Amino acid sequence: MVFVVPAIGLLLWIGVLLGAMVLVGILWAAFGLVVGLANLAHLLIGGKSRPSVQRKTAAGPRRNVHRAPPPRQATRSAGPAESGSRAAAEIWPKWNSSHRLYVEGEKSHWQEQFDALDYRG
């Protein structure tokens, strides 16, 4: 008797899940049928199965486009926080000089990339 009550609950859950799966399958088939009939009706009235795409260039086949000028290199002056490596060492004492050089290189790399975005001048 102890195992009968949990087994009945488990069987009810399995029944509910199977019923939900059957309902979802019926809905799936119904929507598939509706879409198939709509596609068939579209084909019967003279529609194409795939729309024709006309590929045209914007300025024709003989475009004469000049390349953009290279970006200007902005000069940067050291700010008050970047004046010396001693200030950086006092702020981050656990970082050694090689890590600080790595961070400086990354900062300059990102700055160059950001400056390259300003191509309009």
Foldseek 3Di string as FASTA:
>chain_A
DVPPVVVVVVVVVVVVVVVVVVVVVVVVVVVVVVVVVVLVVCVVVPHDPDDDDDDDDDPHDDDDDDDQDFFDDDDDDQDPCRPDVVSVCVVPVVDDPVVVVVVVVVVVVVVVVVSRVPRVD
